[in-house]
Amino acid sequence: MLDNLIRVLEAHSMNIVVKISDNGNQHEQALRFTAISKHFNEFIGGFVMLSDSEEARQEVLKFCRKVSCPIIFMDVRPFDKEYFYPTEMYPADDP
């Protein structure tokens, strides 16, 4: 999935930065969110693959509110119900 995403974005002359956690643990993912949010003005949007949606909810909320750009969740919905999403967050399969 990631290879296809990179290929499509590069075909449209868009640069992509990939940050992958070595072991997928929640703490490391939170650290990556923090590091990226410090440079959010360098990005026009993001694609996120969560390691664990249950544990990630608060970190996802903080991250999305800090970056204020579109974030697409690729494999896991961080929230069960649509009304839990802040207005600036949209799951990938919603219109």
N, C-alpha and C. Protein backbone atom coordinates (compact mmCIF):
# COMPACT_ATOMS: atom_id res chain seq x y z
N MET A 1 0.83 -1.18 0.00
CA MET A 1 0.00 0.00 0.00
C MET A 1 0.88 1.26 0.00
N LEU A 2 1.91 1.27 0.82
CA LEU A 2 2.77 2.44 0.91
C LEU A 2 3.52 2.67 -0.40
N ASP A 3 3.98 1.60 -1.03
CA ASP A 3 4.66 1.74 -2.32
C ASP A 3 3.76 2.39 -3.36
N ASN A 4 2.51 1.97 -3.41
CA ASN A 4 1.57 2.55 -4.38
C ASN A 4 1.30 4.02 -4.08
N LEU A 5 1.15 4.36 -2.82
CA LEU A 5 0.92 5.75 -2.43
C LEU A 5 2.10 6.62 -2.86
N ILE A 6 3.31 6.18 -2.57
CA ILE A 6 4.50 6.93 -2.96
C ILE A 6 4.57 7.10 -4.47
N ARG A 7 4.32 6.04 -5.20
CA ARG A 7 4.36 6.08 -6.66
C ARG A 7 3.36 7.10 -7.23
N VAL A 8 2.14 7.10 -6.71
CA VAL A 8 1.11 8.02 -7.20
C VAL A 8 1.48 9.47 -6.88
N LEU A 9 1.92 9.73 -5.66
CA LEU A 9 2.28 11.09 -5.29
C LEU A 9 3.47 11.59 -6.10
N GLU A 10 4.47 10.76 -6.29
CA GLU A 10 5.62 11.16 -7.09
C GLU A 10 5.25 11.38 -8.55
N ALA A 11 4.30 10.63 -9.06
CA ALA A 11 3.84 10.82 -10.44
C ALA A 11 3.18 12.18 -10.62
N HIS A 12 2.69 12.75 -9.52
CA HIS A 12 2.07 14.07 -9.54
C HIS A 12 3.01 15.15 -9.00
N SER A 13 4.30 14.84 -9.03
CA SER A 13 5.36 15.78 -8.61
C SER A 13 5.19 16.26 -7.17
N MET A 14 4.71 15.38 -6.31
CA MET A 14 4.58 15.72 -4.89
C MET A 14 5.66 14.97 -4.12
N ASN A 15 6.30 15.69 -3.22
CA ASN A 15 7.30 15.07 -2.35
C ASN A 15 6.59 14.38 -1.20
N ILE A 16 7.18 13.30 -0.72
CA ILE A 16 6.60 12.58 0.40
C ILE A 16 7.70 12.29 1.42
N VAL A 17 7.36 12.47 2.68
CA VAL A 17 8.26 12.14 3.78
C VAL A 17 7.63 10.96 4.50
N VAL A 18 8.39 9.90 4.68
CA VAL A 18 7.89 8.70 5.34
C VAL A 18 8.58 8.55 6.68
N LYS A 19 7.80 8.45 7.74
CA LYS A 19 8.31 8.22 9.09
C LYS A 19 7.71 6.90 9.57
N ILE A 20 8.56 5.92 9.79
CA ILE A 20 8.08 4.60 10.20
C ILE A 20 8.66 4.26 11.56
N SER A 21 7.78 3.85 12.46
CA SER A 21 8.22 3.40 13.79
C SER A 21 8.80 1.99 13.65
N ASP A 22 9.91 1.76 14.31
CA ASP A 22 10.56 0.45 14.23
C ASP A 22 9.71 -0.67 14.78
N ASN A 23 9.12 -0.45 15.93
CA ASN A 23 8.37 -1.53 16.55
C ASN A 23 6.87 -1.24 16.67
N GLY A 24 6.43 -0.09 16.19
CA GLY A 24 5.01 0.23 16.20
C GLY A 24 4.41 0.48 17.55
N ASN A 25 5.23 0.79 18.56
CA ASN A 25 4.62 1.01 19.87
C ASN A 25 4.05 2.41 19.98
N GLN A 26 3.12 2.57 20.89
CA GLN A 26 2.36 3.81 21.03
C GLN A 26 3.24 4.99 21.42
N HIS A 27 4.20 4.77 22.30
CA HIS A 27 5.07 5.87 22.75
C HIS A 27 5.90 6.41 21.59
N GLU A 28 6.44 5.53 20.80
CA GLU A 28 7.24 5.96 19.65
C GLU A 28 6.39 6.71 18.64
N GLN A 29 5.17 6.25 18.43
CA GLN A 29 4.26 6.94 17.51
C GLN A 29 3.94 8.34 18.03
N ALA A 30 3.73 8.49 19.32
CA ALA A 30 3.46 9.80 19.92
C ALA A 30 4.65 10.73 19.73
N LEU A 31 5.86 10.21 19.89
CA LEU A 31 7.06 11.01 19.67
C LEU A 31 7.16 11.48 18.22
N ARG A 32 6.80 10.62 17.29
CA ARG A 32 6.81 11.01 15.86
C ARG A 32 5.77 12.10 15.59
N PHE A 33 4.58 11.96 16.16
CA PHE A 33 3.55 13.00 16.01
C PHE A 33 4.08 14.34 16.51
N THR A 34 4.72 14.33 17.67
CA THR A 34 5.25 15.56 18.25
C THR A 34 6.32 16.17 17.35
N ALA A 35 7.24 15.36 16.86
CA ALA A 35 8.30 15.86 15.99
C ALA A 35 7.74 16.44 14.69
N ILE A 36 6.79 15.78 14.10
CA ILE A 36 6.19 16.25 12.86
C ILE A 36 5.40 17.53 13.09
N SER A 37 4.68 17.61 14.20
CA SER A 37 3.85 18.80 14.45
C SER A 37 4.68 20.06 14.63
N LYS A 38 5.95 19.92 14.97
CA LYS A 38 6.83 21.08 15.10
C LYS A 38 7.18 21.68 13.74
N HIS A 39 6.99 20.89 12.67
CA HIS A 39 7.32 21.34 11.32
C HIS A 39 6.10 21.26 10.39
N PHE A 40 4.90 21.36 10.98
CA PHE A 40 3.69 21.14 10.18
C PHE A 40 3.54 22.11 9.03
N ASN A 41 4.11 23.29 9.14
CA ASN A 41 3.97 24.27 8.06
C ASN A 41 4.73 23.85 6.80
N GLU A 42 5.53 22.79 6.88
CA GLU A 42 6.26 22.28 5.72
C GLU A 42 5.44 21.25 4.95
N PHE A 43 4.25 20.89 5.47
CA PHE A 43 3.44 19.84 4.86
C PHE A 43 2.07 20.38 4.45
N ILE A 44 1.49 19.78 3.41
CA ILE A 44 0.14 20.17 3.00
C ILE A 44 -0.90 19.16 3.47
N GLY A 45 -0.44 18.04 4.01
CA GLY A 45 -1.35 17.01 4.49
C GLY A 45 -0.56 15.80 4.92
N GLY A 46 -1.29 14.77 5.36
CA GLY A 46 -0.61 13.57 5.81
C GLY A 46 -1.46 12.33 5.69
N PHE A 47 -0.76 11.21 5.60
CA PHE A 47 -1.37 9.89 5.60
C PHE A 47 -0.84 9.19 6.84
N VAL A 48 -1.73 8.69 7.69
CA VAL A 48 -1.32 8.09 8.95
C VAL A 48 -1.80 6.64 9.01
N MET A 49 -0.88 5.77 9.42
CA MET A 49 -1.20 4.38 9.72
C MET A 49 -0.95 4.20 11.21
N LEU A 50 -2.00 4.02 11.97
CA LEU A 50 -1.90 3.94 13.43
C LEU A 50 -1.46 2.56 13.89
N SER A 51 -0.67 2.53 14.96
CA SER A 51 -0.26 1.24 15.52
C SER A 51 -1.39 0.63 16.36
N ASP A 52 -2.19 1.47 17.02
CA ASP A 52 -3.30 0.98 17.84
C ASP A 52 -4.29 2.12 18.03
N SER A 53 -5.46 2.01 17.43
CA SER A 53 -6.40 3.13 17.47
C SER A 53 -6.94 3.41 18.86
N GLU A 54 -7.15 2.39 19.68
CA GLU A 54 -7.69 2.61 21.04
C GLU A 54 -6.75 3.48 21.85
N GLU A 55 -5.49 3.13 21.88
CA GLU A 55 -4.52 3.87 22.68
C GLU A 55 -4.14 5.20 22.03
N ALA A 56 -4.32 5.34 20.74
CA ALA A 56 -3.84 6.51 20.01
C ALA A 56 -4.82 7.68 20.00
N ARG A 57 -6.02 7.51 20.46
CA ARG A 57 -7.05 8.54 20.28
C ARG A 57 -6.63 9.93 20.76
N GLN A 58 -6.14 10.04 21.96
CA GLN A 58 -5.76 11.36 22.48
C GLN A 58 -4.59 11.94 21.72
N GLU A 59 -3.61 11.11 21.36
CA GLU A 59 -2.46 11.59 20.59
C GLU A 59 -2.89 12.04 19.19
N VAL A 60 -3.83 11.31 18.60
CA VAL A 60 -4.34 11.67 17.28
C VAL A 60 -5.05 13.02 17.35
N LEU A 61 -5.87 13.22 18.36
CA LEU A 61 -6.57 14.49 18.51
C LEU A 61 -5.59 15.65 18.67
N LYS A 62 -4.61 15.49 19.56
CA LYS A 62 -3.63 16.55 19.77
C LYS A 62 -2.86 16.84 18.48
N PHE A 63 -2.43 15.80 17.80
CA PHE A 63 -1.66 15.96 16.57
C PHE A 63 -2.46 16.70 15.49
N CYS A 64 -3.68 16.25 15.24
CA CYS A 64 -4.49 16.85 14.17
C CYS A 64 -4.85 18.30 14.47
N ARG A 65 -5.05 18.62 15.73
CA ARG A 65 -5.36 20.01 16.09
C ARG A 65 -4.14 20.90 15.95
N LYS A 66 -2.96 20.37 16.18
CA LYS A 66 -1.73 21.16 16.05
C LYS A 66 -1.40 21.43 14.59
N VAL A 67 -1.53 20.42 13.74
CA VAL A 67 -1.08 20.58 12.35
C VAL A 67 -2.06 21.32 11.47
N SER A 68 -3.33 21.25 11.75
CA SER A 68 -4.35 21.97 10.98
C SER A 68 -4.23 21.78 9.48
N CYS A 69 -3.96 20.55 9.07
CA CYS A 69 -3.97 20.22 7.64
C CYS A 69 -4.66 18.87 7.50
N PRO A 70 -5.09 18.53 6.30
CA PRO A 70 -5.81 17.26 6.13
C PRO A 70 -4.96 16.04 6.51
N ILE A 71 -5.55 15.14 7.28
CA ILE A 71 -4.92 13.90 7.68
C ILE A 71 -5.83 12.77 7.25
N ILE A 72 -5.28 11.81 6.53
CA ILE A 72 -6.05 10.65 6.06
C ILE A 72 -5.55 9.42 6.80
N PHE A 73 -6.46 8.70 7.44
CA PHE A 73 -6.11 7.49 8.17
C PHE A 73 -6.23 6.31 7.21
N MET A 74 -5.12 5.62 6.99
CA MET A 74 -5.02 4.62 5.94
C MET A 74 -5.60 3.25 6.29
N ASP A 75 -5.37 2.77 7.47
CA ASP A 75 -5.74 1.38 7.74
C ASP A 75 -6.64 1.19 8.95
N VAL A 76 -6.61 2.11 9.90
CA VAL A 76 -7.40 1.98 11.12
C VAL A 76 -8.12 3.29 11.38
N ARG A 77 -9.40 3.20 11.65
CA ARG A 77 -10.14 4.40 12.05
C ARG A 77 -9.87 4.65 13.53
N PRO A 78 -9.42 5.84 13.89
CA PRO A 78 -9.14 6.09 15.30
C PRO A 78 -10.40 6.22 16.16
N PHE A 79 -11.56 6.43 15.54
CA PHE A 79 -12.80 6.59 16.30
C PHE A 79 -13.89 5.73 15.67
N ASP A 80 -14.74 5.16 16.53
CA ASP A 80 -15.81 4.27 16.06
C ASP A 80 -16.95 5.02 15.38
N LYS A 81 -17.30 6.16 15.92
CA LYS A 81 -18.45 6.93 15.43
C LYS A 81 -17.99 8.23 14.79
N GLU A 82 -18.67 8.63 13.75
CA GLU A 82 -18.30 9.85 13.01
C GLU A 82 -18.32 11.09 13.89
N TYR A 83 -19.26 11.18 14.84
CA TYR A 83 -19.38 12.39 15.65
C TYR A 83 -18.22 12.57 16.63
N PHE A 84 -17.36 11.54 16.81
CA PHE A 84 -16.18 11.69 17.66
C PHE A 84 -15.05 12.45 16.95
N TYR A 85 -15.11 12.52 15.62
CA TYR A 85 -14.06 13.20 14.87
C TYR A 85 -14.19 14.71 15.01
N PRO A 86 -13.07 15.38 15.31
CA PRO A 86 -13.11 16.85 15.25
C PRO A 86 -13.40 17.27 13.82
N THR A 87 -13.86 18.47 13.60
CA THR A 87 -14.23 18.90 12.25
C THR A 87 -13.06 18.88 11.29
N GLU A 88 -11.83 18.96 11.79
CA GLU A 88 -10.68 18.96 10.90
C GLU A 88 -10.18 17.56 10.57
N MET A 89 -10.85 16.52 11.04
CA MET A 89 -10.42 15.13 10.80
C MET A 89 -11.48 14.37 10.01
N TYR A 90 -11.03 13.61 9.02
CA TYR A 90 -11.95 12.83 8.20
C TYR A 90 -11.35 11.46 7.92
N PRO A 91 -12.07 10.36 8.15
CA PRO A 91 -11.57 9.04 7.77
C PRO A 91 -11.47 8.94 6.25
N ALA A 92 -10.57 8.11 5.75
CA ALA A 92 -10.28 8.02 4.31
C ALA A 92 -11.49 7.59 3.49
N ASP A 93 -12.41 6.79 4.02
CA ASP A 93 -13.51 6.29 3.20
C ASP A 93 -14.76 7.17 3.27
N ASP A 94 -14.69 8.31 3.92
CA ASP A 94 -15.83 9.22 3.95
C ASP A 94 -15.71 10.22 2.79
N PRO A 95 -16.85 10.68 2.26
CA PRO A 95 -16.77 11.63 1.13
C PRO A 95 -16.27 12.99 1.55
